[in-house]
């Protein structure tokens, strides 16, 4: 069974299949900002797949070829596949499990509500002020960008950008350093026209000090100043709690599959 790459000028052909998804990575691809899409046919597709960063989203009629074909050609070892939440979701999940078997693991992720205008600037500013004097808070510069490329725990902060020049044009990030070394950060994992998807994390040696909260608050404030929405999707309950601390509200849990290629 053939599948077809969807070119930028044809993205509207699959947009209806993804109608109702509150997912910024999908919007990013449909808008032509980042990512790639495939469909079961060139004209009037019934099934589609979007791949951006470590995520793969499906929509429409379940299609095994879209679950399987070309996934390995993207030089990746890991992918998170997300079936739709509608009545086709169970069938897509069955296809994923059939194709990848012992190489897939069903997990639960947590959607966070997208609520423009919800953030309390004063509260976020107070969080930023709590940073211990031993640390320094900075927006990303070329040195910080290079450090994210060199440290495995920090790579996803900037991995979707070809170089620092591209990140400067499209990305946004707030990082905490100690003695010039990265300790924590919050950055635009991906971008879409109206905002960013947040990637946030802390180096193990610096955890449980509130550093992620400071980075997240600073990045949200920067987004507010630029008229961007800082979208958040949580991998675990810790991420949910951090999001709520910063002013977000929990939406729902949803199933996903970690695929080890």
C-alpha atoms as a PDB file:
ATOM      1  CA  UNK A   1       0.000   0.000   0.000  1.00  0.00           C
ATOM      2  CA  UNK A   2       1.422   3.384  -1.007  1.00  0.00           C
ATOM      3  CA  UNK A   3       1.548   6.507   1.093  1.00  0.00           C
ATOM      4  CA  UNK A   4       2.202  10.024  -0.132  1.00  0.00           C
ATOM      5  CA  UNK A   5       4.100  12.927   1.384  1.00  0.00           C
ATOM      6  CA  UNK A   6       1.862  15.949   1.752  1.00  0.00           C
ATOM      7  CA  UNK A   7       3.496  19.066   0.346  1.00  0.00           C
ATOM      8  CA  UNK A   8       3.020  22.449   1.983  1.00  0.00           C
ATOM      9  CA  UNK A   9       0.567  23.689  -0.612  1.00  0.00           C
ATOM     10  CA  UNK A  10      -1.601  20.603  -0.031  1.00  0.00           C
ATOM     11  CA  UNK A  11      -1.779  20.738   3.769  1.00  0.00           C
ATOM     12  CA  UNK A  12      -5.396  21.859   3.605  1.00  0.00           C
ATOM     13  CA  UNK A  13      -6.230  18.433   2.139  1.00  0.00           C
ATOM     14  CA  UNK A  14      -5.563  16.789   5.526  1.00  0.00           C
ATOM     15  CA  UNK A  15      -6.548  19.656   7.826  1.00  0.00           C
ATOM     16  CA  UNK A  16     -10.112  18.401   8.200  1.00  0.00           C
ATOM     17  CA  UNK A  17      -8.866  14.991   9.318  1.00  0.00           C
ATOM     18  CA  UNK A  18      -7.110  16.685  12.243  1.00  0.00           C
ATOM     19  CA  UNK A  19     -10.009  19.000  13.097  1.00  0.00           C
ATOM     20  CA  UNK A  20     -10.599  19.115  16.833  1.00  0.00           C
ATOM     21  CA  UNK A  21      -7.012  18.306  17.858  1.00  0.00           C
ATOM     22  CA  UNK A  22      -5.822  20.803  20.490  1.00  0.00           C
ATOM     23  CA  UNK A  23      -2.186  20.059  19.722  1.00  0.00           C
ATOM     24  CA  UNK A  24       0.318  22.741  18.751  1.00  0.00           C
ATOM     25  CA  UNK A  25       2.660  20.297  16.982  1.00  0.00           C
ATOM     26  CA  UNK A  26      -0.162  19.423  14.589  1.00  0.00           C
ATOM     27  CA  UNK A  27      -0.914  23.095  14.018  1.00  0.00           C
ATOM     28  CA  UNK A  28       2.786  23.709  13.385  1.00  0.00           C
ATOM     29  CA  UNK A  29       2.875  21.137  10.593  1.00  0.00           C
ATOM     30  CA  UNK A  30      -0.412  22.204   9.020  1.00  0.00           C
ATOM     31  CA  UNK A  31       0.833  25.799   9.019  1.00  0.00           C
ATOM     32  CA  UNK A  32       4.095  24.799   7.336  1.00  0.00           C
ATOM     33  CA  UNK A  33       6.268  25.874  10.265  1.00  0.00           C
ATOM     34  CA  UNK A  34       7.836  22.501  11.187  1.00  0.00           C
ATOM     35  CA  UNK A  35       7.295  18.810  10.630  1.00  0.00           C
ATOM     36  CA  UNK A  36       6.161  16.553   7.776  1.00  0.00           C
ATOM     37  CA  UNK A  37       2.894  14.884   6.848  1.00  0.00           C
ATOM     38  CA  UNK A  38       1.823  11.842   4.834  1.00  0.00           C
ATOM     39  CA  UNK A  39      -1.535  10.623   3.577  1.00  0.00           C
ATOM     40  CA  UNK A  40      -3.027   7.477   2.065  1.00  0.00           C
ATOM     41  CA  UNK A  41      -3.710   9.223  -1.237  1.00  0.00           C
ATOM     42  CA  UNK A  42      -2.850  12.474  -2.984  1.00  0.00           C
ATOM     43  CA  UNK A  43      -6.425  13.578  -3.608  1.00  0.00           C
ATOM     44  CA  UNK A  44      -9.164  13.517  -0.964  1.00  0.00           C
ATOM     45  CA  UNK A  45      -7.143  11.534   1.605  1.00  0.00           C
ATOM     46  CA  UNK A  46      -8.974   9.465   4.202  1.00  0.00           C
ATOM     47  CA  UNK A  47      -5.980   8.861   6.495  1.00  0.00           C
ATOM     48  CA  UNK A  48      -3.004  10.968   7.507  1.00  0.00           C
ATOM     49  CA  UNK A  49       0.098  11.047   9.684  1.00  0.00           C
ATOM     50  CA  UNK A  50       2.073  14.005  11.017  1.00  0.00           C
ATOM     51  CA  UNK A  51       5.619  13.595  12.370  1.00  0.00           C
ATOM     52  CA  UNK A  52       7.340  16.420  14.206  1.00  0.00           C
ATOM     53  CA  UNK A  53      10.264  16.066  16.595  1.00  0.00           C
ATOM     54  CA  UNK A  54       9.694  12.887  18.659  1.00  0.00           C
ATOM     55  CA  UNK A  55       5.936  12.808  18.048  1.00  0.00           C
ATOM     56  CA  UNK A  56       3.745  11.105  15.472  1.00  0.00           C
ATOM     57  CA  UNK A  57      -0.005  11.817  15.212  1.00  0.00           C
ATOM     58  CA  UNK A  58      -2.614   9.895  13.234  1.00  0.00           C
ATOM     59  CA  UNK A  59      -6.045  10.879  11.964  1.00  0.00           C
ATOM     60  CA  UNK A  60      -8.809   9.519   9.792  1.00  0.00           C
ATOM     61  CA  UNK A  61      -9.387   5.919   8.776  1.00  0.00           C
ATOM     62  CA  UNK A  62      -6.859   3.535  10.441  1.00  0.00           C
ATOM     63  CA  UNK A  63      -4.103   2.692   7.989  1.00  0.00           C
ATOM     64  CA  UNK A  64      -1.282   0.217   8.687  1.00  0.00           C
ATOM     65  CA  UNK A  65       0.989   1.635   6.008  1.00  0.00           C
ATOM     66  CA  UNK A  66       0.943   5.024   7.701  1.00  0.00           C
ATOM     67  CA  UNK A  67       1.839   3.374  11.000  1.00  0.00           C
ATOM     68  CA  UNK A  68       4.733   1.473   9.451  1.00  0.00           C
ATOM     69  CA  UNK A  69       6.109   2.955   6.233  1.00  0.00           C
ATOM     70  CA  UNK A  70       9.104   5.302   6.238  1.00  0.00           C
ATOM     71  CA  UNK A  71       9.186   5.683  10.008  1.00  0.00           C
ATOM     72  CA  UNK A  72      12.707   4.239  10.170  1.00  0.00           C
ATOM     73  CA  UNK A  73      14.048   6.562   7.486  1.00  0.00           C
ATOM     74  CA  UNK A  74      14.207   9.572   9.807  1.00  0.00           C
ATOM     75  CA  UNK A  75      17.404   8.518  11.615  1.00  0.00           C
ATOM     76  CA  UNK A  76      15.645   8.176  14.944  1.00  0.00           C
ATOM     77  CA  UNK A  77      15.670   5.557  17.648  1.00  0.00           C
ATOM     78  CA  UNK A  78      12.565   6.674  19.504  1.00  0.00           C
ATOM     79  CA  UNK A  79       9.126   8.013  18.616  1.00  0.00           C
ATOM     80  CA  UNK A  80       5.930   8.760  20.528  1.00  0.00           C
ATOM     81  CA  UNK A  81       2.847   7.726  18.547  1.00  0.00           C
ATOM     82  CA  UNK A  82      -0.460   9.279  19.502  1.00  0.00           C
ATOM     83  CA  UNK A  83      -3.732   7.787  18.221  1.00  0.00           C
ATOM     84  CA  UNK A  84      -6.728  10.119  17.860  1.00  0.00           C
ATOM     85  CA  UNK A  85      -9.187  10.571  20.707  1.00  0.00           C
ATOM     86  CA  UNK A  86     -12.235   9.934  18.512  1.00  0.00           C
ATOM     87  CA  UNK A  87     -13.962   6.639  17.671  1.00  0.00           C
ATOM     88  CA  UNK A  88     -11.029   5.574  15.449  1.00  0.00           C
ATOM     89  CA  UNK A  89      -8.494   5.734  18.282  1.00  0.00           C
ATOM     90  CA  UNK A  90      -8.816   2.118  19.398  1.00  0.00           C
ATOM     91  CA  UNK A  91      -8.298   0.819  15.864  1.00  0.00           C
ATOM     92  CA  UNK A  92      -5.223   3.016  15.360  1.00  0.00           C
ATOM     93  CA  UNK A  93      -3.872   1.708  18.689  1.00  0.00           C
ATOM     94  CA  UNK A  94      -4.357  -1.874  17.496  1.00  0.00           C
ATOM     95  CA  UNK A  95      -2.380  -1.134  14.339  1.00  0.00           C
ATOM     96  CA  UNK A  96       0.460   0.400  16.364  1.00  0.00           C
ATOM     97  CA  UNK A  97       0.596  -2.611  18.690  1.00  0.00           C
ATOM     98  CA  UNK A  98       0.456  -5.052  15.747  1.00  0.00           C
ATOM     99  CA  UNK A  99       3.303  -3.375  13.842  1.00  0.00           C
ATOM    100  CA  UNK A 100       5.698  -2.704  16.726  1.00  0.00           C
ATOM    101  CA  UNK A 101       4.769  -5.441  19.223  1.00  0.00           C
ATOM    102  CA  UNK A 102       7.532  -5.704  21.863  1.00  0.00           C
ATOM    103  CA  UNK A 103       9.097  -2.466  20.593  1.00  0.00           C
ATOM    104  CA  UNK A 104       6.157  -0.365  21.758  1.00  0.00           C
ATOM    105  CA  UNK A 105       5.013   0.569  25.235  1.00  0.00           C
ATOM    106  CA  UNK A 106       1.630   2.092  26.008  1.00  0.00           C
ATOM    107  CA  UNK A 107       1.907   5.102  28.326  1.00  0.00           C
ATOM    108  CA  UNK A 108      -0.338   7.825  29.650  1.00  0.00           C
ATOM    109  CA  UNK A 109       0.369  11.481  28.913  1.00  0.00           C
ATOM    110  CA  UNK A 110      -1.466  14.529  30.195  1.00  0.00           C
ATOM    111  CA  UNK A 111      -3.008  17.289  28.121  1.00  0.00           C
ATOM    112  CA  UNK A 112      -2.962  20.797  29.583  1.00  0.00           C
ATOM    113  CA  UNK A 113      -5.714  23.252  28.667  1.00  0.00           C
ATOM    114  CA  UNK A 114      -4.888  26.003  26.189  1.00  0.00           C
ATOM    115  CA  UNK A 115      -6.299  29.165  27.734  1.00  0.00           C
ATOM    116  CA  UNK A 116      -4.949  32.432  26.291  1.00  0.00           C
ATOM    117  CA  UNK A 117      -5.034  35.245  28.826  1.00  0.00           C
ATOM    118  CA  UNK A 118      -5.070  32.923  31.839  1.00  0.00           C
ATOM    119  CA  UNK A 119      -1.642  33.819  33.236  1.00  0.00           C
ATOM    120  CA  UNK A 120      -1.095  36.040  36.277  1.00  0.00           C
ATOM    121  CA  UNK A 121       1.874  38.273  35.472  1.00  0.00           C
ATOM    122  CA  UNK A 122       2.464  39.300  39.082  1.00  0.00           C
ATOM    123  CA  UNK A 123       2.539  35.698  40.264  1.00  0.00           C
ATOM    124  CA  UNK A 124       4.995  34.723  37.522  1.00  0.00           C
ATOM    125  CA  UNK A 125       7.242  37.679  38.345  1.00  0.00           C
ATOM    126  CA  UNK A 126       7.261  36.645  42.002  1.00  0.00           C
ATOM    127  CA  UNK A 127       8.369  33.124  41.023  1.00  0.00           C
ATOM    128  CA  UNK A 128      11.243  34.554  38.978  1.00  0.00           C
ATOM    129  CA  UNK A 129      12.391  36.679  41.928  1.00  0.00           C
ATOM    130  CA  UNK A 130      12.802  33.579  44.107  1.00  0.00           C
ATOM    131  CA  UNK A 131      15.902  32.429  42.232  1.00  0.00           C
ATOM    132  CA  UNK A 132      18.821  31.849  44.581  1.00  0.00           C
ATOM    133  CA  UNK A 133      21.692  34.324  44.196  1.00  0.00           C
ATOM    134  CA  UNK A 134      24.046  31.452  43.375  1.00  0.00           C
ATOM    135  CA  UNK A 135      22.320  31.098  39.993  1.00  0.00           C
ATOM    136  CA  UNK A 136      21.949  33.381  36.983  1.00  0.00           C
ATOM    137  CA  UNK A 137      18.834  33.571  34.766  1.00  0.00           C
ATOM    138  CA  UNK A 138      19.386  34.417  31.109  1.00  0.00           C
ATOM    139  CA  UNK A 139      17.574  34.293  27.810  1.00  0.00           C
ATOM    140  CA  UNK A 140      19.320  32.038  25.326  1.00  0.00           C
ATOM    141  CA  UNK A 141      22.507  33.258  23.706  1.00  0.00           C
ATOM    142  CA  UNK A 142      24.987  31.523  21.439  1.00  0.00           C
ATOM    143  CA  UNK A 143      26.998  30.037  24.327  1.00  0.00           C
ATOM    144  CA  UNK A 144      23.858  28.586  25.934  1.00  0.00           C
ATOM    145  CA  UNK A 145      22.690  27.264  22.579  1.00  0.00           C
ATOM    146  CA  UNK A 146      25.996  25.473  22.094  1.00  0.00           C
ATOM    147  CA  UNK A 147      25.817  23.970  25.578  1.00  0.00           C
ATOM    148  CA  UNK A 148      22.405  22.469  24.784  1.00  0.00           C
ATOM    149  CA  UNK A 149      23.976  20.710  21.799  1.00  0.00           C
ATOM    150  CA  UNK A 150      26.763  19.220  23.896  1.00  0.00           C
ATOM    151  CA  UNK A 151      24.813  17.907  26.901  1.00  0.00           C
ATOM    152  CA  UNK A 152      22.423  14.964  26.363  1.00  0.00           C
ATOM    153  CA  UNK A 153      19.938  16.103  29.026  1.00  0.00           C
ATOM    154  CA  UNK A 154      19.601  19.508  27.299  1.00  0.00           C
ATOM    155  CA  UNK A 155      19.478  18.558  23.616  1.00  0.00           C
ATOM    156  CA  UNK A 156      15.704  18.712  23.201  1.00  0.00           C
ATOM    157  CA  UNK A 157      15.736  22.392  24.129  1.00  0.00           C
ATOM    158  CA  UNK A 158      17.088  23.250  20.668  1.00  0.00           C
ATOM    159  CA  UNK A 159      17.172  19.984  18.693  1.00  0.00           C
ATOM    160  CA  UNK A 160      14.532  21.078  16.175  1.00  0.00           C
ATOM    161  CA  UNK A 161      16.624  24.023  14.928  1.00  0.00           C
ATOM    162  CA  UNK A 162      19.427  23.705  12.399  1.00  0.00           C
ATOM    163  CA  UNK A 163      21.683  26.248  14.098  1.00  0.00           C
ATOM    164  CA  UNK A 164      21.756  29.232  16.415  1.00  0.00           C
ATOM    165  CA  UNK A 165      20.777  31.618  13.629  1.00  0.00           C
ATOM    166  CA  UNK A 166      17.552  29.708  13.008  1.00  0.00           C
ATOM    167  CA  UNK A 167      16.818  29.529  16.734  1.00  0.00           C
ATOM    168  CA  UNK A 168      17.267  33.304  17.034  1.00  0.00           C
ATOM    169  CA  UNK A 169      14.730  33.857  14.259  1.00  0.00           C
ATOM    170  CA  UNK A 170      12.115  31.366  15.465  1.00  0.00           C
ATOM    171  CA  UNK A 171      12.854  30.141  18.967  1.00  0.00           C
ATOM    172  CA  UNK A 172      12.776  31.485  22.504  1.00  0.00           C
ATOM    173  CA  UNK A 173      14.297  30.179  25.718  1.00  0.00           C
ATOM    174  CA  UNK A 174      15.110  31.019  29.351  1.00  0.00           C
ATOM    175  CA  UNK A 175      17.970  29.237  31.094  1.00  0.00           C
ATOM    176  CA  UNK A 176      19.530  29.147  34.559  1.00  0.00           C
ATOM    177  CA  UNK A 177      23.286  28.832  34.846  1.00  0.00           C
ATOM    178  CA  UNK A 178      25.673  28.241  37.718  1.00  0.00           C
ATOM    179  CA  UNK A 179      29.269  29.308  37.142  1.00  0.00           C
ATOM    180  CA  UNK A 180      28.518  29.494  33.434  1.00  0.00           C
ATOM    181  CA  UNK A 181      27.156  25.954  33.181  1.00  0.00           C
ATOM    182  CA  UNK A 182      23.549  25.032  32.372  1.00  0.00           C
ATOM    183  CA  UNK A 183      21.495  24.012  35.402  1.00  0.00           C
ATOM    184  CA  UNK A 184      17.924  24.252  34.047  1.00  0.00           C
ATOM    185  CA  UNK A 185      15.994  25.595  31.101  1.00  0.00           C
ATOM    186  CA  UNK A 186      12.688  26.203  29.382  1.00  0.00           C
ATOM    187  CA  UNK A 187      12.657  26.557  25.619  1.00  0.00           C
ATOM    188  CA  UNK A 188      10.547  26.416  22.487  1.00  0.00           C
ATOM    189  CA  UNK A 189      10.615  22.725  21.597  1.00  0.00           C
ATOM    190  CA  UNK A 190       8.621  23.595  18.486  1.00  0.00           C
ATOM    191  CA  UNK A 191       6.904  26.711  17.146  1.00  0.00           C
ATOM    192  CA  UNK A 192       3.677  27.544  15.381  1.00  0.00           C
ATOM    193  CA  UNK A 193       2.322  30.884  14.167  1.00  0.00           C
ATOM    194  CA  UNK A 194       0.550  31.751  17.383  1.00  0.00           C
ATOM    195  CA  UNK A 195       3.043  30.431  19.895  1.00  0.00           C
ATOM    196  CA  UNK A 196       5.466  27.765  21.062  1.00  0.00           C
ATOM    197  CA  UNK A 197       5.448  24.313  22.649  1.00  0.00           C
ATOM    198  CA  UNK A 198       7.460  24.357  25.873  1.00  0.00           C
ATOM    199  CA  UNK A 199      10.314  21.969  26.640  1.00  0.00           C
ATOM    200  CA  UNK A 200      11.400  22.252  30.272  1.00  0.00           C
ATOM    201  CA  UNK A 201      13.916  20.451  32.423  1.00  0.00           C
ATOM    202  CA  UNK A 202      16.620  20.570  35.100  1.00  0.00           C
ATOM    203  CA  UNK A 203      20.004  18.898  35.249  1.00  0.00           C
ATOM    204  CA  UNK A 204      19.869  16.118  37.844  1.00  0.00           C
ATOM    205  CA  UNK A 205      22.373  17.723  40.213  1.00  0.00           C
ATOM    206  CA  UNK A 206      20.212  20.854  40.504  1.00  0.00           C
ATOM    207  CA  UNK A 207      16.748  19.353  40.923  1.00  0.00           C
ATOM    208  CA  UNK A 208      14.276  20.092  43.736  1.00  0.00           C
ATOM    209  CA  UNK A 209      15.421  23.699  44.001  1.00  0.00           C
ATOM    210  CA  UNK A 210      12.578  25.339  42.082  1.00  0.00           C
ATOM    211  CA  UNK A 211      14.735  26.109  39.060  1.00  0.00           C
ATOM    212  CA  UNK A 212      12.275  24.714  36.510  1.00  0.00           C
ATOM    213  CA  UNK A 213       9.551  26.952  37.966  1.00  0.00           C
ATOM    214  CA  UNK A 214      11.745  30.025  37.499  1.00  0.00           C
ATOM    215  CA  UNK A 215      12.630  29.103  33.913  1.00  0.00           C
ATOM    216  CA  UNK A 216       9.015  28.333  33.059  1.00  0.00           C
ATOM    217  CA  UNK A 217       7.752  31.576  34.599  1.00  0.00           C
ATOM    218  CA  UNK A 218      10.360  33.620  32.739  1.00  0.00           C
ATOM    219  CA  UNK A 219       9.572  31.961  29.414  1.00  0.00           C
ATOM    220  CA  UNK A 220       5.823  32.503  29.854  1.00  0.00           C
ATOM    221  CA  UNK A 221       6.451  36.181  30.643  1.00  0.00           C
ATOM    222  CA  UNK A 222       8.550  36.526  27.495  1.00  0.00           C
ATOM    223  CA  UNK A 223       5.778  34.893  25.465  1.00  0.00           C
ATOM    224  CA  UNK A 224       3.221  37.300  26.952  1.00  0.00           C
ATOM    225  CA  UNK A 225       5.401  40.236  25.932  1.00  0.00           C
ATOM    226  CA  UNK A 226       5.644  38.905  22.381  1.00  0.00           C
ATOM    227  CA  UNK A 227       1.987  37.970  21.950  1.00  0.00           C
ATOM    228  CA  UNK A 228       2.767  34.238  21.805  1.00  0.00           C
ATOM    229  CA  UNK A 229       0.964  31.395  23.540  1.00  0.00           C
ATOM    230  CA  UNK A 230       3.190  28.995  25.558  1.00  0.00           C
ATOM    231  CA  UNK A 231       1.578  25.588  24.974  1.00  0.00           C
ATOM    232  CA  UNK A 232       2.312  22.796  27.469  1.00  0.00           C
ATOM    233  CA  UNK A 233       1.890  19.011  27.230  1.00  0.00           C
ATOM    234  CA  UNK A 234       2.896  16.909  30.225  1.00  0.00           C
ATOM    235  CA  UNK A 235       4.798  13.622  30.160  1.00  0.00           C
ATOM    236  CA  UNK A 236       4.167  12.863  33.837  1.00  0.00           C
ATOM    237  CA  UNK A 237       2.471  14.075  37.000  1.00  0.00           C
ATOM    238  CA  UNK A 238       5.493  16.180  37.974  1.00  0.00           C
ATOM    239  CA  UNK A 239       5.060  18.137  34.760  1.00  0.00           C
ATOM    240  CA  UNK A 240       1.327  18.517  35.448  1.00  0.00           C
ATOM    241  CA  UNK A 241       2.042  19.899  38.920  1.00  0.00           C
ATOM    242  CA  UNK A 242       4.630  22.327  37.586  1.00  0.00           C
ATOM    243  CA  UNK A 243       2.234  23.539  34.893  1.00  0.00           C
ATOM    244  CA  UNK A 244      -0.474  24.121  37.495  1.00  0.00           C
ATOM    245  CA  UNK A 245       1.964  26.053  39.675  1.00  0.00           C
ATOM    246  CA  UNK A 246       2.596  28.385  36.739  1.00  0.00           C
ATOM    247  CA  UNK A 247      -1.111  28.979  36.101  1.00  0.00           C
ATOM    248  CA  UNK A 248      -2.172  26.249  33.674  1.00  0.00           C
ATOM    249  CA  UNK A 249      -5.119  23.910  34.216  1.00  0.00           C
ATOM    250  CA  UNK A 250      -5.199  20.159  33.672  1.00  0.00           C
ATOM    251  CA  UNK A 251      -7.375  18.950  30.787  1.00  0.00           C
ATOM    252  CA  UNK A 252      -7.251  15.150  30.482  1.00  0.00           C
ATOM    253  CA  UNK A 253      -5.057  12.086  30.380  1.00  0.00           C
ATOM    254  CA  UNK A 254      -4.588  10.420  26.989  1.00  0.00           C
ATOM    255  CA  UNK A 255      -2.907   7.248  25.699  1.00  0.00           C
ATOM    256  CA  UNK A 256       0.282   7.242  23.656  1.00  0.00           C
ATOM    257  CA  UNK A 257       2.857   4.681  22.553  1.00  0.00           C
ATOM    258  CA  UNK A 258       6.593   4.922  23.048  1.00  0.00           C
ATOM    259  CA  UNK A 259       8.150   3.236  20.024  1.00  0.00           C
ATOM    260  CA  UNK A 260      11.745   1.992  20.194  1.00  0.00           C
ATOM    261  CA  UNK A 261      13.102   1.724  16.674  1.00  0.00           C
END
